[in-house]
Amino acid sequence: MREVASTPQTDYMALVGMKQWRKVAEALAVDPADKVIIEGYPTVRPDVVGITVHATSATTTGIQAGKRAAQATPLVTKG
């Protein structure tokens, strides 16, 4: 049996704007087990060990599930 070499851990630092982070922080306050999703572009800075991610989008799995549920719910109007 052949062993697969383990890869070293990579550290990440995410730079997220306050407007985006407030929504994420509120969701995490309600559900601390919620998963954070950050999309952005990576850079390597000499003063930071690891990879710095400049966020273009920040959300959580809970926020995404809520948006999907809202889109799936049809509007009912009385006429």
C-alpha atoms as a PDB file:
ATOM      1  CA  MET A   1       0.000   0.000   0.000  1.00  0.00           C
ATOM      2  CA  ARG A   2       1.354   3.397  -0.956  1.00  0.00           C
ATOM      3  CA  GLU A   3       1.121   6.372   1.390  1.00  0.00           C
ATOM      4  CA  VAL A   4       0.145   9.787   0.129  1.00  0.00           C
ATOM      5  CA  ALA A   5       2.281  12.619   1.435  1.00  0.00           C
ATOM      6  CA  SER A   6       0.341  15.133   3.458  1.00  0.00           C
ATOM      7  CA  THR A   7       0.337  18.703   2.220  1.00  0.00           C
ATOM      8  CA  PRO A   8       1.349  21.504   4.552  1.00  0.00           C
ATOM      9  CA  GLN A   9      -1.385  23.679   6.013  1.00  0.00           C
ATOM     10  CA  THR A  10      -1.880  27.048   4.346  1.00  0.00           C
ATOM     11  CA  ASP A  11      -2.907  30.061   6.403  1.00  0.00           C
ATOM     12  CA  TYR A  12      -5.310  32.620   4.956  1.00  0.00           C
ATOM     13  CA  MET A  13      -6.093  36.189   5.961  1.00  0.00           C
ATOM     14  CA  ALA A  14      -9.340  37.571   4.545  1.00  0.00           C
ATOM     15  CA  LEU A  15      -9.855  41.302   4.130  1.00  0.00           C
ATOM     16  CA  VAL A  16     -13.616  41.929   4.170  1.00  0.00           C
ATOM     17  CA  GLY A  17     -15.345  45.310   3.985  1.00  0.00           C
ATOM     18  CA  MET A  18     -17.463  46.340   6.992  1.00  0.00           C
ATOM     19  CA  LYS A  19     -20.679  46.513   4.948  1.00  0.00           C
ATOM     20  CA  GLN A  20     -20.254  42.878   3.914  1.00  0.00           C
ATOM     21  CA  TRP A  21     -18.992  41.714   7.307  1.00  0.00           C
ATOM     22  CA  ARG A  22     -21.954  43.139   9.277  1.00  0.00           C
ATOM     23  CA  LYS A  23     -24.350  40.720   7.542  1.00  0.00           C
ATOM     24  CA  VAL A  24     -21.992  37.806   8.175  1.00  0.00           C
ATOM     25  CA  ALA A  25     -21.478  38.775  11.831  1.00  0.00           C
ATOM     26  CA  GLU A  26     -25.254  38.987  12.403  1.00  0.00           C
ATOM     27  CA  ALA A  27     -25.742  35.524  10.896  1.00  0.00           C
ATOM     28  CA  LEU A  28     -22.928  34.081  13.037  1.00  0.00           C
ATOM     29  CA  ALA A  29     -24.418  35.659  16.171  1.00  0.00           C
ATOM     30  CA  VAL A  30     -27.640  33.729  15.499  1.00  0.00           C
ATOM     31  CA  ASP A  31     -25.891  30.487  14.477  1.00  0.00           C
ATOM     32  CA  PRO A  32     -22.209  30.230  15.467  1.00  0.00           C
ATOM     33  CA  ALA A  33     -21.940  26.914  13.554  1.00  0.00           C
ATOM     34  CA  ASP A  34     -22.864  28.609  10.252  1.00  0.00           C
ATOM     35  CA  LYS A  35     -20.156  28.395   7.577  1.00  0.00           C
ATOM     36  CA  VAL A  36     -18.595  31.577   6.167  1.00  0.00           C
ATOM     37  CA  ILE A  37     -18.116  31.835   2.395  1.00  0.00           C
ATOM     38  CA  ILE A  38     -15.646  34.426   1.131  1.00  0.00           C
ATOM     39  CA  GLU A  39     -14.983  34.981  -2.557  1.00  0.00           C
ATOM     40  CA  GLY A  40     -12.213  37.248  -3.741  1.00  0.00           C
ATOM     41  CA  TYR A  41      -8.792  37.414  -5.230  1.00  0.00           C
ATOM     42  CA  PRO A  42      -5.641  36.120  -3.566  1.00  0.00           C
ATOM     43  CA  THR A  43      -2.421  38.027  -3.100  1.00  0.00           C
ATOM     44  CA  VAL A  44       0.865  37.215  -1.449  1.00  0.00           C
ATOM     45  CA  ARG A  45       2.219  39.883   0.855  1.00  0.00           C
ATOM     46  CA  PRO A  46       5.735  39.754   2.280  1.00  0.00           C
ATOM     47  CA  ASP A  47       4.495  40.896   5.719  1.00  0.00           C
ATOM     48  CA  VAL A  48       1.869  38.117   5.999  1.00  0.00           C
ATOM     49  CA  VAL A  49       2.546  34.403   6.346  1.00  0.00           C
ATOM     50  CA  GLY A  50       0.168  32.628   3.965  1.00  0.00           C
ATOM     51  CA  ILE A  51      -2.291  33.989   1.434  1.00  0.00           C
ATOM     52  CA  THR A  52      -4.265  37.224   1.749  1.00  0.00           C
ATOM     53  CA  VAL A  53      -7.738  37.165   0.179  1.00  0.00           C
ATOM     54  CA  HIS A  54      -9.288  40.508  -0.786  1.00  0.00           C
ATOM     55  CA  ALA A  55     -13.010  39.789  -0.523  1.00  0.00           C
ATOM     56  CA  THR A  56     -15.369  40.735  -3.312  1.00  0.00           C
ATOM     57  CA  SER A  57     -18.221  38.841  -1.653  1.00  0.00           C
ATOM     58  CA  ALA A  58     -18.838  37.532   1.868  1.00  0.00           C
ATOM     59  CA  THR A  59     -21.827  35.520   3.048  1.00  0.00           C
ATOM     60  CA  THR A  60     -22.759  32.394   4.997  1.00  0.00           C
ATOM     61  CA  THR A  61     -24.449  29.141   4.080  1.00  0.00           C
ATOM     62  CA  GLY A  62     -27.425  30.204   6.205  1.00  0.00           C
ATOM     63  CA  ILE A  63     -27.845  33.497   4.341  1.00  0.00           C
ATOM     64  CA  GLN A  64     -27.660  31.661   1.007  1.00  0.00           C
ATOM     65  CA  ALA A  65     -30.248  29.082   2.130  1.00  0.00           C
ATOM     66  CA  GLY A  66     -32.594  31.890   3.193  1.00  0.00           C
ATOM     67  CA  LYS A  67     -32.273  33.587  -0.202  1.00  0.00           C
ATOM     68  CA  ARG A  68     -32.971  30.307  -2.021  1.00  0.00           C
ATOM     69  CA  ALA A  69     -36.038  29.672   0.153  1.00  0.00           C
ATOM     70  CA  ALA A  70     -37.351  33.198  -0.516  1.00  0.00           C
ATOM     71  CA  GLN A  71     -36.950  32.723  -4.281  1.00  0.00           C
ATOM     72  CA  ALA A  72     -38.701  29.344  -4.171  1.00  0.00           C
ATOM     73  CA  THR A  73     -41.750  30.682  -2.298  1.00  0.00           C
ATOM     74  CA  PRO A  74     -44.405  31.844  -4.771  1.00  0.00           C
ATOM     75  CA  LEU A  75     -46.215  35.068  -4.041  1.00  0.00           C
ATOM     76  CA  VAL A  76     -49.920  34.599  -3.360  1.00  0.00           C
ATOM     77  CA  THR A  77     -52.227  37.492  -4.118  1.00  0.00           C
ATOM     78  CA  LYS A  78     -55.917  37.795  -3.408  1.00  0.00           C
ATOM     79  CA  GLY A  79     -57.944  39.315  -6.172  1.00  0.00           C
END
